[in-house]
N, C-alpha and C. Protein backbone atom coordinates (compact mmCIF):
# COMPACT_ATOMS: atom_id res chain seq x y z
N MET A 1 1.08 -1.06 0.03
CA MET A 1 0.27 0.17 -0.16
C MET A 1 0.73 1.07 -0.15
N ASP A 2 0.43 2.35 -0.94
CA ASP A 2 1.27 3.55 -0.96
C ASP A 2 1.01 4.34 0.27
N ALA A 3 1.68 5.09 0.73
CA ALA A 3 1.46 6.06 1.66
C ALA A 3 2.04 7.65 1.04
N PHE A 4 1.07 8.50 1.50
CA PHE A 4 1.63 9.82 0.97
C PHE A 4 1.41 11.00 2.29
N ILE A 5 2.19 11.64 2.10
CA ILE A 5 2.02 12.88 3.26
C ILE A 5 2.23 13.98 2.62
N SER A 6 0.88 14.70 3.02
CA SER A 6 0.47 16.19 2.90
C SER A 6 0.59 17.12 4.13
N LYS A 7 1.00 18.31 4.05
CA LYS A 7 1.13 19.28 5.14
C LYS A 7 -0.39 20.09 5.31
N VAL A 8 -1.17 20.19 6.48
CA VAL A 8 -2.33 20.76 6.48
C VAL A 8 -2.08 22.62 6.41
N THR A 9 -2.49 23.37 5.75
CA THR A 9 -2.30 24.62 5.96
C THR A 9 -3.02 25.38 6.79
N SER A 10 -2.57 26.44 7.35
CA SER A 10 -3.21 26.95 8.20
C SER A 10 -4.94 27.17 8.08
N ARG A 11 -5.50 27.23 6.91
CA ARG A 11 -6.85 27.20 6.22
C ARG A 11 -7.46 25.98 6.48
N GLY A 12 -6.66 24.83 6.94
CA GLY A 12 -7.29 23.24 7.08
C GLY A 12 -6.78 22.69 5.65
N GLN A 13 -6.47 23.25 4.66
CA GLN A 13 -6.23 22.49 3.50
C GLN A 13 -5.41 21.72 3.24
N ILE A 14 -5.49 20.37 2.52
CA ILE A 14 -4.40 19.85 2.00
C ILE A 14 -4.16 19.50 0.36
N THR A 15 -2.77 19.30 0.15
CA THR A 15 -2.95 18.88 -1.28
C THR A 15 -2.79 17.53 -1.20
N ILE A 16 -3.78 16.49 -2.32
CA ILE A 16 -3.16 15.59 -2.64
C ILE A 16 -2.49 15.43 -3.86
N PRO A 17 -1.08 14.38 -3.46
CA PRO A 17 -0.20 14.47 -4.63
C PRO A 17 -0.45 14.13 -6.21
N GLN A 18 -0.15 14.77 -6.86
CA GLN A 18 -0.29 14.60 -8.18
C GLN A 18 -0.48 12.97 -8.62
N SER A 19 0.60 12.25 -8.34
CA SER A 19 0.47 10.69 -8.70
C SER A 19 -0.59 10.25 -8.05
N LEU A 20 -1.20 10.45 -6.88
CA LEU A 20 -2.38 9.87 -6.52
C LEU A 20 -3.38 10.05 -7.23
N ARG A 21 -3.40 11.69 -7.72
CA ARG A 21 -4.76 12.23 -8.32
C ARG A 21 -4.96 11.39 -9.39
N GLU A 22 -3.75 11.05 -10.21
CA GLU A 22 -3.72 10.51 -11.46
C GLU A 22 -3.97 9.07 -11.48
N LYS A 23 -3.51 8.25 -10.28
CA LYS A 23 -4.16 7.03 -10.14
C LYS A 23 -5.41 6.78 -9.88
N GLU A 24 -5.99 7.81 -8.96
CA GLU A 24 -7.46 7.57 -8.42
C GLU A 24 -8.37 8.31 -9.28
N ASP A 25 -7.60 9.25 -10.54
CA ASP A 25 -8.47 9.72 -11.44
C ASP A 25 -9.32 10.92 -10.85
N ILE A 26 -8.48 11.62 -9.66
CA ILE A 26 -9.40 12.76 -9.20
C ILE A 26 -8.76 14.00 -10.13
N SER A 27 -9.70 15.10 -10.77
CA SER A 27 -9.31 16.13 -11.13
C SER A 27 -9.99 17.36 -10.41
N GLU A 28 -9.64 18.71 -10.94
CA GLU A 28 -10.42 19.63 -10.53
C GLU A 28 -11.78 19.52 -10.49
N ASP A 29 -12.56 20.08 -9.67
CA ASP A 29 -13.82 20.17 -9.74
C ASP A 29 -14.58 18.77 -9.02
N ASP A 30 -13.95 17.49 -9.18
CA ASP A 30 -14.25 16.54 -8.01
C ASP A 30 -14.67 16.82 -6.75
N TYR A 31 -15.33 15.82 -6.27
CA TYR A 31 -15.57 15.64 -4.81
C TYR A 31 -14.77 14.53 -4.30
N VAL A 32 -14.28 14.75 -3.08
CA VAL A 32 -13.65 13.44 -2.18
C VAL A 32 -14.82 13.35 -0.95
N VAL A 33 -14.55 12.17 -0.48
CA VAL A 33 -15.61 11.91 0.63
C VAL A 33 -14.21 11.59 2.01
N MET A 34 -14.24 12.01 3.01
CA MET A 34 -13.58 11.90 3.99
C MET A 34 -14.16 10.96 5.23
N ARG A 35 -13.50 9.66 5.52
CA ARG A 35 -14.40 9.04 7.02
C ARG A 35 -13.35 8.55 7.90
N LYS A 36 -13.57 8.84 9.13
CA LYS A 36 -12.60 8.66 10.28
C LYS A 36 -12.84 6.95 10.12
N VAL A 37 -11.56 6.37 10.44
CA VAL A 37 -11.53 4.61 10.52
C VAL A 37 -10.42 4.81 11.62
N GLY A 38 -11.15 4.12 12.60
CA GLY A 38 -10.40 4.21 13.66
C GLY A 38 -9.79 5.52 14.03
N LYS A 39 -8.02 5.43 14.08
CA LYS A 39 -7.66 6.74 14.53
C LYS A 39 -7.11 6.96 12.84
N TYR A 40 -7.30 6.64 11.86
CA TYR A 40 -7.38 7.30 10.66
C TYR A 40 -8.44 8.10 10.01
N ILE A 41 -8.07 8.72 8.93
CA ILE A 41 -8.87 9.51 8.00
C ILE A 41 -8.66 8.96 6.75
N VAL A 42 -9.66 8.47 6.31
CA VAL A 42 -9.79 7.15 4.74
C VAL A 42 -10.15 8.74 3.62
N LEU A 43 -9.79 8.69 2.64
CA LEU A 43 -10.26 9.69 1.75
C LEU A 43 -10.55 8.61 0.22
N GLY A 44 -11.32 9.09 -0.15
CA GLY A 44 -12.14 8.46 -1.42
C GLY A 44 -12.44 9.69 -2.54
N LYS A 45 -12.70 9.40 -3.95
CA LYS A 45 -13.06 10.17 -5.05
C LYS A 45 -14.55 9.47 -4.74
N VAL A 46 -15.87 10.86 -4.66
CA VAL A 46 -17.08 10.49 -4.81
C VAL A 46 -17.40 10.59 -6.21
N GLU A 47 -17.75 9.06 -6.31
CA GLU A 47 -18.21 8.55 -7.80
C GLU A 47 -19.39 9.30 -8.54
N ALA A 48 -20.51 9.65 -7.70
CA ALA A 48 -21.58 10.29 -8.01
C ALA A 48 -21.53 11.66 -8.06
N ARG A 49 -22.29 12.66 -9.05
CA ARG A 49 -22.14 14.27 -8.47
C ARG A 49 -23.28 14.48 -7.60
N LEU A 50 -23.08 15.61 -7.19
CA LEU A 50 -24.42 15.74 -6.00
C LEU A 50 -25.45 15.87 -6.66
N ASP A 51 -25.54 16.42 -7.97
CA ASP A 51 -26.92 16.56 -8.27
C ASP A 51 -27.56 15.19 -8.79
N ASP A 52 -26.62 14.30 -8.91
CA ASP A 52 -27.30 12.65 -9.33
C ASP A 52 -27.76 12.22 -7.70
N ILE A 53 -26.75 12.23 -6.84
CA ILE A 53 -27.50 12.02 -5.24
C ILE A 53 -28.94 12.49 -5.08
N THR A 54 -28.65 13.86 -5.34
CA THR A 54 -30.06 14.53 -4.85
C THR A 54 -31.12 14.02 -5.52
N HIS A 55 -30.93 13.71 -6.94
CA HIS A 55 -31.93 13.33 -7.56
C HIS A 55 -32.53 11.70 -7.09
N THR A 56 -31.43 11.08 -6.71
CA THR A 56 -31.89 9.53 -6.21
C THR A 56 -32.56 9.95 -4.79
N PHE A 57 -32.22 10.72 -4.15
CA PHE A 57 -32.82 10.96 -3.00
C PHE A 57 -34.35 11.46 -2.87
N GLU A 58 -34.55 12.12 -4.41
CA GLU A 58 -35.83 12.75 -4.23
C GLU A 58 -36.87 11.10 -4.96
N GLU A 59 -35.95 10.85 -5.84
CA GLU A 59 -37.00 9.65 -6.18
C GLU A 59 -37.43 8.92 -5.07
N GLU A 60 -36.48 8.77 -4.64
CA GLU A 60 -36.94 7.52 -3.45
C GLU A 60 -37.70 8.12 -2.49
N ALA A 61 -37.91 9.21 -1.90
CA ALA A 61 -38.56 10.06 -1.01
C ALA A 61 -40.12 10.10 -1.54
N ASN A 62 -40.43 10.57 -3.11
CA ASN A 62 -41.44 10.44 -3.87
C ASN A 62 -42.02 8.89 -3.57
N LEU A 63 -41.18 7.76 -3.90
CA LEU A 63 -41.93 6.56 -3.87
C LEU A 63 -41.94 6.48 -2.44
N LYS A 64 -41.74 6.64 -1.12
CA LYS A 64 -42.11 6.33 0.03
C LYS A 64 -43.07 7.37 0.58
N LYS A 65 -43.39 8.27 -0.12
CA LYS A 65 -44.23 9.57 -0.03
C LYS A 65 -43.70 10.70 1.67
N ILE A 66 -42.43 10.49 0.89
CA ILE A 66 -41.93 11.56 2.16
C ILE A 66 -41.91 12.77 1.62
N THR A 67 -42.47 13.83 2.31
CA THR A 67 -42.48 15.18 2.15
C THR A 67 -41.38 16.11 2.86
N LYS A 68 -41.01 17.32 2.47
CA LYS A 68 -40.03 18.06 2.74
C LYS A 68 -40.65 18.26 4.38
N GLU A 69 -41.95 18.56 4.27
CA GLU A 69 -42.40 18.89 5.51
C GLU A 69 -42.41 17.95 6.98
N SER A 70 -42.93 16.51 6.18
CA SER A 70 -42.52 15.36 7.42
C SER A 70 -41.36 15.29 7.54
N LEU A 71 -40.42 15.23 6.87
CA LEU A 71 -39.08 15.08 7.19
C LEU A 71 -38.62 16.01 8.41
N LEU A 72 -38.86 17.31 8.22
CA LEU A 72 -38.63 18.64 9.12
C LEU A 72 -39.07 18.15 10.19
N SER A 73 -40.29 17.48 10.34
CA SER A 73 -41.37 17.64 11.63
C SER A 73 -40.35 16.39 12.20
N GLU A 74 -40.11 15.35 11.86
CA GLU A 74 -39.51 13.90 12.19
C GLU A 74 -38.32 14.64 12.71
N LEU A 75 -37.21 15.47 12.15
CA LEU A 75 -36.08 16.00 12.48
C LEU A 75 -36.39 16.88 13.99
N GLU A 76 -37.47 17.41 14.10
CA GLU A 76 -37.69 18.13 15.29
C GLU A 76 -38.00 17.59 16.18
N THR A 77 -38.91 16.44 16.10
CA THR A 77 -38.93 15.33 16.81
C THR A 77 -38.02 14.67 17.72
N VAL A 78 -36.86 14.39 16.86
CA VAL A 78 -35.66 13.29 17.21
C VAL A 78 -34.61 14.77 17.98
N ARG A 79 -34.68 15.86 17.64
CA ARG A 79 -33.90 16.87 18.44
C ARG A 79 -34.20 17.10 19.62
N LYS A 80 -35.43 16.89 19.94
CA LYS A 80 -36.73 17.27 21.31
C LYS A 80 -36.05 16.10 22.03
N ARG A 81 -35.93 15.16 21.34
CA ARG A 81 -35.72 13.72 22.27
C ARG A 81 -33.94 14.12 23.07
N LYS A 82 -33.08 14.99 22.47
CA LYS A 82 -31.70 14.82 23.31
C LYS A 82 -31.92 15.62 24.27
């Protein structure tokens, strides 16, 4: 497994090394996702665009008859439980 080191800037930014960007086909305007796994942060390319993901959620919500109002109401209920 390859390892790469990047320095975090004062604004919290990191640079993904060019060789890794090329290997993983990450280019300008692509999105990446970061997950905490144990004591590590795992970075990966988001394969779908945000618009595509949003459209999928909208379709699923429509199939399940979930409205924006019902979702906000449920979120408020959950918040009050805390």
